[in-house]
N, C-alpha and C. Protein backbone atom coordinates (compact mmCIF):
# COMPACT_ATOMS: atom_id res chain seq x y z
N MET A 1 18.44 8.66 4.14
CA MET A 1 17.88 8.77 3.43
C MET A 1 16.38 8.31 3.28
N GLY A 2 15.26 8.89 2.84
CA GLY A 2 14.27 8.35 2.69
C GLY A 2 13.59 7.88 1.69
N TYR A 3 12.50 7.11 1.70
CA TYR A 3 12.31 6.70 0.44
C TYR A 3 10.87 6.97 0.55
N LYS A 4 10.21 7.20 -0.97
CA LYS A 4 8.62 7.54 -1.12
C LYS A 4 8.00 6.56 -2.00
N MET A 5 6.97 5.87 -1.43
CA MET A 5 6.24 5.28 -2.31
C MET A 5 5.86 5.64 -3.45
N VAL A 6 5.82 4.65 -4.62
CA VAL A 6 6.08 4.79 -6.01
C VAL A 6 4.75 3.91 -6.66
N ARG A 7 3.86 4.49 -6.96
CA ARG A 7 2.63 3.70 -7.18
C ARG A 7 1.94 4.34 -8.44
N ASP A 8 1.19 3.90 -8.70
CA ASP A 8 0.28 4.24 -10.12
C ASP A 8 1.20 4.56 -11.42
N ASN A 9 2.61 3.58 -11.53
CA ASN A 9 3.29 3.78 -12.75
C ASN A 9 4.17 5.33 -12.88
N HIS A 10 3.96 5.80 -11.83
CA HIS A 10 4.89 7.03 -11.77
C HIS A 10 6.40 7.03 -12.44
N GLN A 11 6.89 5.85 -12.33
CA GLN A 11 8.16 5.73 -12.67
C GLN A 11 7.97 5.90 -14.13
N GLU A 12 7.74 4.89 -14.46
CA GLU A 12 6.97 4.84 -16.40
C GLU A 12 6.42 6.06 -16.96
N ILE A 13 5.62 7.25 -16.09
CA ILE A 13 5.48 7.67 -16.74
C ILE A 13 6.02 9.03 -16.53
N LEU A 14 6.59 9.30 -15.28
CA LEU A 14 7.49 10.73 -14.83
C LEU A 14 9.13 10.34 -15.33
N GLY A 15 9.19 9.66 -15.53
CA GLY A 15 10.76 9.23 -15.27
C GLY A 15 11.46 9.50 -16.70
N GLU A 16 10.76 10.05 -17.22
CA GLU A 16 11.84 10.49 -18.25
C GLU A 16 12.16 12.28 -17.69
N HIS A 17 10.96 12.89 -17.16
CA HIS A 17 10.88 14.09 -16.58
C HIS A 17 11.18 14.65 -15.01
N ILE A 18 11.77 13.80 -14.65
CA ILE A 18 12.14 13.81 -13.30
C ILE A 18 13.76 13.48 -13.19
N SER A 19 14.39 14.38 -12.53
CA SER A 19 16.08 13.98 -12.63
C SER A 19 15.79 13.26 -11.23
N GLY A 20 17.11 12.29 -10.95
CA GLY A 20 17.44 11.99 -10.07
C GLY A 20 17.37 10.54 -10.16
N GLN A 21 17.51 9.77 -9.00
CA GLN A 21 17.56 8.41 -9.18
C GLN A 21 16.35 7.86 -8.63
N TRP A 22 15.91 6.36 -9.16
CA TRP A 22 14.40 5.87 -8.52
C TRP A 22 14.85 4.90 -7.89
N ARG A 23 14.71 4.96 -6.38
CA ARG A 23 15.50 3.63 -5.75
C ARG A 23 13.55 3.01 -4.80
N THR A 24 14.40 1.45 -4.88
CA THR A 24 13.10 0.48 -4.12
C THR A 24 13.62 0.07 -2.81
N SER A 25 12.47 0.63 -1.61
CA SER A 25 12.67 0.69 -0.32
C SER A 25 13.21 -0.85 -0.14
N PRO A 26 14.45 -1.09 1.24
CA PRO A 26 14.93 -2.23 1.37
C PRO A 26 13.82 -3.07 2.43
N ASP A 27 13.31 -2.31 3.02
CA ASP A 27 12.15 -2.72 3.64
C ASP A 27 10.33 -2.12 3.21
N PRO A 28 10.56 -3.09 2.06
CA PRO A 28 8.83 -2.66 1.41
C PRO A 28 7.58 -2.58 2.67
N VAL A 29 7.49 -3.73 3.14
CA VAL A 29 6.47 -3.92 4.48
C VAL A 29 6.56 -2.44 5.18
N SER A 30 7.83 -1.96 5.68
CA SER A 30 7.70 -1.45 6.78
C SER A 30 7.27 0.13 6.24
N SER A 31 7.57 0.43 5.07
CA SER A 31 7.30 1.41 3.69
C SER A 31 5.84 1.61 4.01
N LEU A 32 5.32 0.43 3.80
CA LEU A 32 3.99 0.39 3.50
C LEU A 32 2.85 0.28 4.64
N VAL A 33 3.51 0.04 5.44
CA VAL A 33 2.52 0.13 7.06
C VAL A 33 2.60 1.91 7.21
N LYS A 34 3.94 2.47 7.00
CA LYS A 34 3.96 3.82 7.09
C LYS A 34 2.72 4.60 6.36
N LYS A 35 3.02 4.35 4.81
CA LYS A 35 1.95 4.66 3.93
C LYS A 35 0.61 4.50 4.43
N LEU A 36 0.27 3.18 4.96
CA LEU A 36 -0.89 2.91 5.38
C LEU A 36 -1.24 3.97 6.64
N GLY A 37 -0.73 4.22 7.48
CA GLY A 37 -1.32 5.11 8.37
C GLY A 37 -1.10 6.40 7.96
N GLU A 38 -0.16 6.87 6.91
CA GLU A 38 -0.45 8.54 6.48
C GLU A 38 -1.72 8.55 6.01
N GLU A 39 -2.25 7.18 4.91
CA GLU A 39 -3.20 7.30 3.97
C GLU A 39 -4.83 7.08 5.22
N TYR A 40 -4.47 6.65 6.30
CA TYR A 40 -5.77 6.57 7.14
C TYR A 40 -6.10 7.92 7.91
N SER A 41 -4.69 8.54 8.06
CA SER A 41 -4.62 9.77 8.77
C SER A 41 -5.79 10.85 8.05
N GLU A 42 -5.14 10.88 6.75
CA GLU A 42 -5.87 11.65 5.43
C GLU A 42 -7.44 11.38 5.62
N LEU A 43 -7.82 10.06 5.71
CA LEU A 43 -9.48 9.50 5.46
C LEU A 43 -10.16 10.14 6.92
N ALA A 44 -9.16 10.03 8.24
CA ALA A 44 -9.98 9.95 9.20
C ALA A 44 -10.14 11.42 9.27
N GLU A 45 -9.20 12.30 8.71
CA GLU A 45 -9.06 14.11 8.91
C GLU A 45 -9.90 14.87 7.59
N SER A 46 -10.18 14.18 6.48
CA SER A 46 -11.38 14.39 5.11
C SER A 46 -12.75 13.94 5.43
N ARG A 47 -12.53 12.72 5.30
CA ARG A 47 -13.58 11.66 5.77
C ARG A 47 -13.61 11.64 3.64
N ASP A 48 -12.71 11.84 3.02
CA ASP A 48 -13.57 11.82 1.50
C ASP A 48 -13.46 10.02 1.42
N PRO A 49 -14.43 9.74 0.84
CA PRO A 49 -14.17 8.12 0.23
C PRO A 49 -13.09 8.26 -0.63
N ALA A 50 -12.81 9.08 -1.38
CA ALA A 50 -11.57 9.00 -1.95
C ALA A 50 -10.54 8.54 -1.27
N GLU A 51 -10.25 8.60 -0.28
CA GLU A 51 -9.01 8.02 0.22
C GLU A 51 -9.29 6.90 0.72
N LEU A 52 -10.41 6.07 1.21
CA LEU A 52 -10.56 4.74 0.94
C LEU A 52 -9.83 3.83 -0.09
N TYR A 53 -10.15 4.44 -1.16
CA TYR A 53 -9.31 3.71 -2.23
C TYR A 53 -7.97 3.66 -2.17
N ASP A 54 -7.29 4.97 -1.68
CA ASP A 54 -5.80 5.12 -1.10
C ASP A 54 -5.58 3.77 -0.23
N VAL A 55 -6.38 4.19 0.77
CA VAL A 55 -6.05 2.97 1.78
C VAL A 55 -6.39 1.32 1.13
N TRP A 56 -7.01 1.20 0.48
CA TRP A 56 -7.27 -0.01 -0.07
C TRP A 56 -5.94 -0.50 -0.66
N ASP A 57 -5.67 0.14 -1.66
CA ASP A 57 -4.55 0.22 -2.89
C ASP A 57 -3.26 -0.47 -1.56
N VAL A 58 -3.02 0.33 -0.75
CA VAL A 58 -2.09 -0.19 0.14
C VAL A 58 -2.31 -1.20 0.69
N LEU A 59 -3.49 -2.06 1.47
CA LEU A 59 -3.75 -2.90 1.90
C LEU A 59 -3.62 -3.93 0.50
N ASP A 60 -3.77 -3.74 -0.33
CA ASP A 60 -3.59 -4.97 -1.51
C ASP A 60 -2.25 -5.31 -1.56
N GLU A 61 -1.17 -4.14 -1.83
CA GLU A 61 0.16 -4.26 -1.81
C GLU A 61 0.75 -5.14 -0.74
N LEU A 62 -0.14 -4.32 0.73
CA LEU A 62 0.77 -5.36 1.76
C LEU A 62 0.16 -6.86 1.92
N THR A 63 -1.01 -7.29 1.68
CA THR A 63 -1.77 -8.50 1.36
C THR A 63 -0.62 -9.14 0.67
N ALA A 64 -0.50 -8.76 -0.45
CA ALA A 64 0.33 -9.26 -1.80
C ALA A 64 1.75 -9.69 -0.96
N LEU A 65 2.39 -9.10 -0.21
CA LEU A 65 3.63 -9.27 0.39
C LEU A 65 3.58 -10.33 1.49
N LEU A 66 2.54 -9.79 2.34
CA LEU A 66 2.73 -10.60 3.54
C LEU A 66 2.04 -12.11 3.42
N ASP A 67 0.82 -12.17 2.50
CA ASP A 67 0.28 -13.37 2.40
C ASP A 67 0.28 -13.79 1.38
N PRO A 68 1.20 -14.29 0.39
CA PRO A 68 1.16 -14.24 -0.74
C PRO A 68 0.71 -15.51 -1.33
N ASP A 69 0.76 -16.55 -0.41
CA ASP A 69 -0.04 -17.73 -0.51
C ASP A 69 -1.44 -17.87 -0.41
N GLY A 70 -1.95 -16.91 0.19
CA GLY A 70 -3.17 -16.70 0.59
C GLY A 70 -3.79 -17.49 1.56
N SER A 71 -2.91 -17.95 2.39
CA SER A 71 -3.38 -18.65 3.61
C SER A 71 -4.09 -18.37 4.72
N ALA A 72 -3.36 -16.62 5.08
CA ALA A 72 -4.40 -16.02 5.72
C ALA A 72 -5.77 -15.51 5.45
N GLU A 73 -5.61 -15.36 4.18
CA GLU A 73 -7.10 -15.33 3.66
C GLU A 73 -7.95 -16.35 3.72
N LEU A 74 -7.41 -17.21 3.39
CA LEU A 74 -8.42 -19.11 3.66
C LEU A 74 -8.88 -18.78 5.07
N LYS A 75 -8.18 -18.45 5.90
CA LYS A 75 -8.49 -19.05 7.58
C LYS A 75 -9.45 -17.51 7.93
N HIS A 76 -9.45 -16.21 7.45
CA HIS A 76 -10.01 -15.43 7.66
C HIS A 76 -11.58 -15.86 7.20
N ALA A 77 -11.60 -16.02 5.88
CA ALA A 77 -12.73 -16.79 5.19
C ALA A 77 -13.36 -17.82 5.89
N ILE A 78 -13.13 -18.62 6.30
CA ILE A 78 -13.49 -19.71 7.19
C ILE A 78 -14.08 -19.20 8.26
N LYS A 79 -12.89 -18.16 9.39
CA LYS A 79 -13.51 -17.92 10.38
C LYS A 79 -14.93 -16.42 10.35
N VAL A 80 -14.85 -16.28 9.07
CA VAL A 80 -16.24 -15.16 8.72
C VAL A 80 -17.28 -16.19 8.77
N LYS A 81 -17.17 -17.20 7.78
CA LYS A 81 -18.18 -18.21 7.66
C LYS A 81 -18.84 -18.53 8.96
N HIS A 82 -18.13 -18.89 10.05
CA HIS A 82 -18.48 -19.53 11.08
C HIS A 82 -19.22 -18.46 12.03
N LEU A 83 -19.08 -17.16 11.62
CA LEU A 83 -19.51 -16.15 12.13
C LEU A 83 -20.69 -15.63 11.73
């Protein structure tokens, strides 16, 4: 069974209009990494700046899952400051 990423409040907006079951991926990080690849491919193909925001949305979600306490962000900020 495949999973589709649900973003932008789709479930709240479309839930009454779409039959079927809304499921949550058992591995959201893997799903988001896959989605990031899809969004990057669309950006690389179209060069549409709107695709940058789709990439950004996925990165925001990945950041929240992989760096919930912001420790990697702090290390990155220190590295950038030194550069």
